[in-house]
C-alpha atoms as a PDB file:
ATOM      1  CA  MET A   1     134.202  73.877-131.842  1.00  0.00           C
ATOM      2  CA  GLU A   2     135.953  77.130-132.682  1.00  0.00           C
ATOM      3  CA  THR A   3     137.571  79.231-129.979  1.00  0.00           C
ATOM      4  CA  LYS A   4     137.181  82.998-129.972  1.00  0.00           C
ATOM      5  CA  SER A   5     140.707  83.517-128.691  1.00  0.00           C
ATOM      6  CA  LYS A   6     143.566  84.072-131.104  1.00  0.00           C
ATOM      7  CA  PHE A   7     147.275  84.624-130.986  1.00  0.00           C
ATOM      8  CA  LEU A   8     148.513  87.764-132.709  1.00  0.00           C
ATOM      9  CA  LYS A   9     151.879  88.781-134.104  1.00  0.00           C
ATOM     10  CA  VAL A  10     152.221  92.401-132.975  1.00  0.00           C
ATOM     11  CA  LYS A  11     154.848  94.961-133.983  1.00  0.00           C
ATOM     12  CA  CYS A  12     156.042  97.348-131.279  1.00  0.00           C
ATOM     13  CA  SER A  13     155.347 100.945-132.291  1.00  0.00           C
ATOM     14  CA  ASP A  14     158.528 102.172-130.568  1.00  0.00           C
ATOM     15  CA  CYS A  15     161.269  99.785-131.739  1.00  0.00           C
ATOM     16  CA  GLY A  16     159.656  97.638-134.459  1.00  0.00           C
ATOM     17  CA  ASN A  17     160.188  94.319-132.640  1.00  0.00           C
ATOM     18  CA  GLU A  18     157.577  91.687-133.525  1.00  0.00           C
ATOM     19  CA  GLN A  19     156.324  89.234-130.939  1.00  0.00           C
ATOM     20  CA  THR A  20     153.424  86.844-130.528  1.00  0.00           C
ATOM     21  CA  ILE A  21     150.823  87.638-127.871  1.00  0.00           C
ATOM     22  CA  PHE A  22     147.432  86.307-126.765  1.00  0.00           C
ATOM     23  CA  ASP A  23     144.521  88.561-127.791  1.00  0.00           C
ATOM     24  CA  ARG A  24     142.728  88.096-124.444  1.00  0.00           C
ATOM     25  CA  THR A  25     145.613  88.675-122.081  1.00  0.00           C
ATOM     26  CA  ASN A  26     144.857  89.330-118.426  1.00  0.00           C
ATOM     27  CA  THR A  27     148.202  91.002-117.722  1.00  0.00           C
ATOM     28  CA  LYS A  28     150.030  93.923-119.308  1.00  0.00           C
ATOM     29  CA  VAL A  29     152.291  92.788-122.176  1.00  0.00           C
ATOM     30  CA  SER A  30     155.579  94.630-122.670  1.00  0.00           C
ATOM     31  CA  CYS A  31     157.946  94.540-125.633  1.00  0.00           C
ATOM     32  CA  ASN A  32     160.762  92.054-125.056  1.00  0.00           C
ATOM     33  CA  VAL A  33     163.304  94.489-126.538  1.00  0.00           C
ATOM     34  CA  CYS A  34     162.473  98.031-125.362  1.00  0.00           C
ATOM     35  CA  GLY A  35     159.889  97.421-122.602  1.00  0.00           C
ATOM     36  CA  SER A  36     157.159  99.550-124.210  1.00  0.00           C
ATOM     37  CA  THR A  37     153.558  98.478-123.566  1.00  0.00           C
ATOM     38  CA  ILE A  38     152.174  96.359-126.419  1.00  0.00           C
ATOM     39  CA  ALA A  39     148.835  95.264-124.918  1.00  0.00           C
ATOM     40  CA  LEU A  40     146.666  96.081-121.917  1.00  0.00           C
ATOM     41  CA  PRO A  41     144.018  93.811-120.365  1.00  0.00           C
ATOM     42  CA  MET A  42     140.454  95.106-120.748  1.00  0.00           C
ATOM     43  CA  GLY A  43     138.374  92.332-119.146  1.00  0.00           C
ATOM     44  CA  GLY A  44     137.979  90.510-122.475  1.00  0.00           C
ATOM     45  CA  LYS A  45     139.905  91.297-125.614  1.00  0.00           C
ATOM     46  CA  ALA A  46     143.087  93.191-124.890  1.00  0.00           C
ATOM     47  CA  GLU A  47     143.700  96.745-126.053  1.00  0.00           C
ATOM     48  CA  ILE A  48     146.525  96.347-128.569  1.00  0.00           C
ATOM     49  CA  LYS A  49     148.949  99.293-128.539  1.00  0.00           C
ATOM     50  CA  GLY A  50     151.190  98.069-131.364  1.00  0.00           C
ATOM     51  CA  GLU A  51     150.439  97.198-134.987  1.00  0.00           C
ATOM     52  CA  ILE A  52     148.814  93.806-135.594  1.00  0.00           C
ATOM     53  CA  VAL A  53     150.951  92.169-138.271  1.00  0.00           C
ATOM     54  CA  ARG A  54     148.857  88.994-138.534  1.00  0.00           C
ATOM     55  CA  ARG A  55     146.508  86.655-136.715  1.00  0.00           C
ATOM     56  CA  ILE A  56     147.723  83.138-136.004  1.00  0.00           C
ATOM     57  CA  ASP A  57     145.146  80.358-136.387  1.00  0.00           C
ATOM     58  CA  ASN A  58     144.886  77.771-133.620  1.00  0.00           C
ATOM     59  CA  ASP A  59     144.306  74.824-135.964  1.00  0.00           C
ATOM     60  CA  LEU A  60     145.137  71.567-134.195  1.00  0.00           C
END
């Protein structure tokens, strides 16, 4: 069974910091370095404000 949810490595558009976030977050995600908003919850997939660098597979 494949899940629809993915983890994403996202680059902050303000400072360039890269961090891993969940693509279906239910809370606002802020950059760990500068505090800029990286993702906003939208009742499903999050609205990503930064640049998606890559998707991380959940292979177990």
